[in-house]
Amino acid sequence: IGIKMQIKDFNLKINQQLLLDNVSMSFANQKLNLIIGRNGVGKTLLLDLISDLDHNRPENFHDFPKNSRIIYHSQGLPFIAEATVKDTITLIGDLSEDSAITMEHLPQKIRNNLNKPFGSLSMGERRYLTIWLFLQIERDLYIFDEPFANLDLSVISDILSLFYDKLDQGKQLIITSHQFDFLVPEKTQIIFIEDKQIKFNDSLTAFLAYYHSFGQAFDIQ
């Protein structure tokens, strides 16, 4: 369905160190595209390039939306600890002309914390709040770097519901994570980076079947 976003014959270097060696990969439509691999393989750098943060996306990247049609939720978002949740919501809403953020349609778990300082929220509450806010802004592609890190399963489940709802609306999602055992296999596309190569680029269903069939231990921590 639609044109697939792709990267073709791409080399990624940082400080003269080669991280990806002439790799190609494709991203599935209407699936949660999950990039996995050990720390240091270049996952976050790849997200930076896809998001076109510095308006210098390589020509090897094909059929990705333009920068203005992408939301990128990085690991270290700079929010004001002293600002209330309500102030934070207002700020994000004011920054985007096409957001659907309204106080009337807040999830109850956000509404319960409206008058609390952002800095007083738990990690799970912060992550849910910021991800929910970013998903209210109308874009074609949403990128999240390690959205599940250090969260308990109940918060992860809530965030996944937000992601799957967005996919059902026909939007594209790309995330990185070291965790994927709770994802819906048929709704997940895996891009597995190891030894400067793309070792696997297919559905999570196929990925799990492949590794189980060979009895291989799998570890990306």
Protein backbone atom coordinates (compact mmCIF):
# COMPACT_ATOMS: atom_id res chain seq x y z
CA ILE A 1 0.00 0.00 0.00
CA GLY A 2 1.67 3.18 -1.16
CA ILE A 3 5.35 3.80 -1.84
CA LYS A 4 7.78 2.31 0.65
CA MET A 5 10.43 4.50 2.22
CA GLN A 6 13.86 3.08 1.38
CA ILE A 7 17.57 3.64 1.90
CA LYS A 8 19.84 2.31 -0.84
CA ASP A 9 23.60 1.67 -0.98
CA PHE A 10 24.36 3.89 2.00
CA ASN A 11 27.55 4.33 4.02
CA LEU A 12 27.41 5.93 7.47
CA LYS A 13 30.58 7.35 9.02
CA ILE A 14 31.28 9.30 12.19
CA ASN A 15 34.73 10.70 12.96
CA GLN A 16 36.16 8.55 10.15
CA GLN A 17 34.65 5.41 11.73
CA LEU A 18 32.50 3.38 9.35
CA LEU A 19 29.24 2.37 11.07
CA LEU A 20 27.21 1.16 8.07
CA ASP A 21 28.89 -0.30 4.99
CA ASN A 22 26.93 0.07 1.73
CA VAL A 23 23.60 -0.97 3.27
CA SER A 24 20.07 -0.95 1.90
CA MET A 25 16.85 -1.19 3.86
CA SER A 26 13.12 -0.70 3.38
CA PHE A 27 10.39 0.43 5.75
CA ALA A 28 6.97 -1.23 5.64
CA ASN A 29 3.79 0.77 5.26
CA GLN A 30 1.17 0.50 8.01
CA LYS A 31 3.57 -1.32 10.32
CA LEU A 32 5.65 -0.27 13.28
CA ASN A 33 9.14 -0.09 11.77
CA LEU A 34 11.58 -1.11 14.51
CA ILE A 35 15.34 -0.57 14.15
CA ILE A 36 17.30 -2.84 16.49
CA GLY A 37 20.97 -3.41 17.22
CA ARG A 38 23.50 -3.00 19.99
CA ASN A 39 24.44 0.46 21.26
CA GLY A 40 26.84 2.23 18.93
CA VAL A 41 25.71 0.67 15.63
CA GLY A 42 24.30 3.98 14.38
CA LYS A 43 20.57 3.74 15.13
CA THR A 44 20.14 7.29 16.46
CA LEU A 45 22.32 8.77 13.71
CA LEU A 46 20.12 7.01 11.19
CA LEU A 47 17.02 8.55 12.77
CA ASP A 48 18.66 11.99 12.66
CA LEU A 49 19.25 11.61 8.92
CA ILE A 50 15.75 10.29 8.22
CA SER A 51 14.22 13.21 10.13
CA ASP A 52 16.37 15.60 8.07
CA LEU A 53 17.12 17.70 11.15
CA ASP A 54 19.83 19.73 9.40
CA HIS A 55 18.12 19.69 5.98
CA ASN A 56 20.96 17.59 4.58
CA ARG A 57 19.38 14.18 4.10
CA PRO A 58 21.53 11.98 1.81
CA GLU A 59 20.33 11.31 -1.72
CA ASN A 60 20.37 7.57 -0.92
CA PHE A 61 17.20 8.10 1.15
CA HIS A 62 14.13 7.62 -1.05
CA ASP A 63 10.46 8.52 -0.60
CA PHE A 64 10.69 9.87 2.92
CA PRO A 65 8.45 12.86 3.75
CA LYS A 66 10.03 16.29 3.82
CA ASN A 67 11.24 17.63 7.15
CA SER A 68 8.09 19.68 7.79
CA ARG A 69 5.96 16.51 7.59
CA ILE A 70 7.95 14.59 10.24
CA ILE A 71 7.80 14.55 14.04
CA TYR A 72 10.95 13.35 15.81
CA HIS A 73 10.81 12.45 19.51
CA SER A 74 14.43 12.05 20.61
CA GLN A 75 15.67 10.48 23.85
CA GLY A 76 16.59 13.74 25.61
CA LEU A 77 13.71 16.16 25.13
CA PRO A 78 14.36 19.50 26.87
CA PHE A 79 11.20 20.24 28.83
CA ILE A 80 10.93 22.77 31.68
CA ALA A 81 10.79 20.88 34.98
CA GLU A 82 9.01 23.70 36.83
CA ALA A 83 6.29 24.18 34.21
CA THR A 84 2.99 22.47 34.97
CA VAL A 85 1.63 19.75 32.75
CA LYS A 86 -1.04 22.21 31.59
CA ASP A 87 1.65 24.76 30.65
CA THR A 88 3.59 22.06 28.78
CA ILE A 89 0.50 21.07 26.82
CA THR A 90 -0.20 24.70 25.93
CA LEU A 91 3.41 25.24 24.83
CA ILE A 92 3.43 22.24 22.48
CA GLY A 93 0.05 23.20 21.10
CA ASP A 94 1.16 26.77 20.44
CA LEU A 95 4.32 25.60 18.63
CA SER A 96 2.34 23.74 15.99
CA GLU A 97 -0.37 25.34 13.91
CA ASP A 98 -1.83 21.96 12.90
CA SER A 99 -1.98 20.23 16.28
CA ALA A 100 -5.16 18.58 17.53
CA ILE A 101 -4.32 19.31 21.16
CA THR A 102 -7.28 20.51 23.21
CA MET A 103 -7.88 20.44 26.94
CA GLU A 104 -11.31 18.91 26.32
CA HIS A 105 -9.94 15.71 24.76
CA LEU A 106 -7.07 14.87 27.11
CA PRO A 107 -6.71 11.26 28.26
CA GLN A 108 -7.74 10.92 31.89
CA LYS A 109 -4.23 9.92 32.99
CA ILE A 110 -2.93 13.27 31.68
CA ARG A 111 -5.91 15.23 33.02
CA ASN A 112 -5.18 13.89 36.50
CA ASN A 113 -1.75 15.58 36.46
CA LEU A 114 -2.63 18.94 34.90
CA ASN A 115 -1.47 21.08 37.81
CA LYS A 116 1.65 19.08 38.67
CA PRO A 117 5.11 20.32 37.64
CA PHE A 118 6.47 18.34 34.68
CA GLY A 119 9.57 17.54 36.73
CA SER A 120 7.51 15.85 39.44
CA LEU A 121 6.04 13.25 37.09
CA SER A 122 7.35 9.71 36.97
CA MET A 123 9.36 8.59 33.94
CA GLY A 124 6.33 6.73 32.59
CA GLU A 125 4.02 9.73 33.06
CA ARG A 126 6.48 12.04 31.29
CA ARG A 127 6.99 9.66 28.39
CA TYR A 128 3.27 9.03 27.92
CA LEU A 129 2.53 12.76 28.05
CA THR A 130 5.17 13.80 25.51
CA ILE A 131 4.44 10.93 23.12
CA TRP A 132 0.71 11.63 23.27
CA LEU A 133 1.35 15.33 22.60
CA PHE A 134 3.65 14.66 19.64
CA LEU A 135 1.12 12.27 18.11
CA GLN A 136 -1.56 15.00 18.19
CA ILE A 137 0.44 17.03 15.68
CA GLU A 138 -0.58 16.16 12.15
CA ARG A 139 2.37 14.65 10.28
CA ASP A 140 3.04 11.84 7.82
CA LEU A 141 5.94 10.19 9.66
CA TYR A 142 6.52 9.89 13.41
CA ILE A 143 9.95 8.90 14.73
CA PHE A 144 10.63 7.81 18.32
CA ASP A 145 14.08 7.00 19.70
CA GLU A 146 13.87 4.41 22.52
CA PRO A 147 10.29 5.25 23.58
CA PHE A 148 10.06 2.20 25.89
CA ALA A 149 13.34 2.63 27.78
CA ASN A 150 13.04 2.13 31.57
CA LEU A 151 9.24 1.87 31.50
CA ASP A 152 7.05 -0.80 33.05
CA LEU A 153 4.83 -2.97 30.90
CA SER A 154 1.60 -1.11 31.70
CA VAL A 155 3.00 2.20 30.37
CA ILE A 156 4.51 0.43 27.35
CA SER A 157 1.09 -1.05 26.61
CA ASP A 158 -0.51 2.41 26.76
CA ILE A 159 2.11 3.86 24.41
CA LEU A 160 1.73 0.97 21.97
CA SER A 161 -2.01 1.63 21.82
CA LEU A 162 -1.22 5.19 20.74
CA PHE A 163 1.19 3.91 18.08
CA TYR A 164 -1.22 1.35 16.65
CA ASP A 165 -4.02 3.93 16.54
CA LYS A 166 -1.76 6.20 14.50
CA LEU A 167 -0.91 3.35 12.11
CA ASP A 168 -4.62 2.68 11.65
CA GLN A 169 -4.93 6.31 10.51
CA GLY A 170 -2.50 5.55 7.67
CA LYS A 171 0.53 7.24 9.22
CA GLN A 172 4.12 5.92 9.22
CA LEU A 173 6.13 5.14 12.36
CA ILE A 174 9.81 4.38 12.90
CA ILE A 175 11.21 3.59 16.35
CA THR A 176 14.34 2.18 17.94
CA SER A 177 14.25 -0.11 20.96
CA HIS A 178 16.14 -2.88 22.72
CA GLN A 179 12.79 -4.43 23.63
CA PHE A 180 10.32 -6.03 21.26
CA ASP A 181 8.85 -9.12 22.93
CA PHE A 182 5.60 -7.23 23.64
CA LEU A 183 5.09 -6.00 20.06
CA VAL A 184 2.45 -7.49 17.76
CA PRO A 185 4.55 -9.54 15.29
CA GLU A 186 2.29 -9.11 12.26
CA LYS A 187 2.24 -5.34 12.79
CA THR A 188 6.01 -4.96 13.16
CA GLN A 189 8.82 -4.65 10.62
CA ILE A 190 12.34 -5.39 11.89
CA ILE A 191 15.53 -3.73 10.65
CA PHE A 192 18.39 -5.47 12.47
CA ILE A 193 21.84 -3.82 12.30
CA GLU A 194 24.96 -5.81 13.19
CA ASP A 195 28.61 -5.71 12.06
CA LYS A 196 27.99 -2.67 9.82
CA GLN A 197 25.33 -4.57 7.86
CA ILE A 198 21.58 -5.04 7.75
CA LYS A 199 21.28 -8.61 8.99
CA PHE A 200 17.51 -8.78 8.76
CA ASN A 201 14.83 -6.61 7.12
CA ASP A 202 11.44 -8.27 7.28
CA SER A 203 8.45 -8.80 9.55
CA LEU A 204 8.87 -9.57 13.23
CA THR A 205 7.00 -12.81 12.55
CA ALA A 206 9.69 -13.89 10.05
CA PHE A 207 12.46 -12.63 12.33
CA LEU A 208 11.32 -14.72 15.30
CA ALA A 209 10.79 -17.78 13.11
CA TYR A 210 14.28 -17.41 11.63
CA TYR A 211 16.06 -17.17 14.96
CA HIS A 212 14.00 -19.90 16.60
CA SER A 213 14.56 -22.28 13.70
CA PHE A 214 18.31 -22.08 14.18
CA GLY A 215 18.11 -22.13 17.97
CA GLN A 216 20.13 -18.92 18.09
CA ALA A 217 20.32 -16.80 21.20
CA PHE A 218 19.49 -13.23 20.40
CA ASP A 219 20.87 -10.32 22.40
CA ILE A 220 20.99 -6.66 21.44
CA GLN A 221 21.64 -5.19 24.89
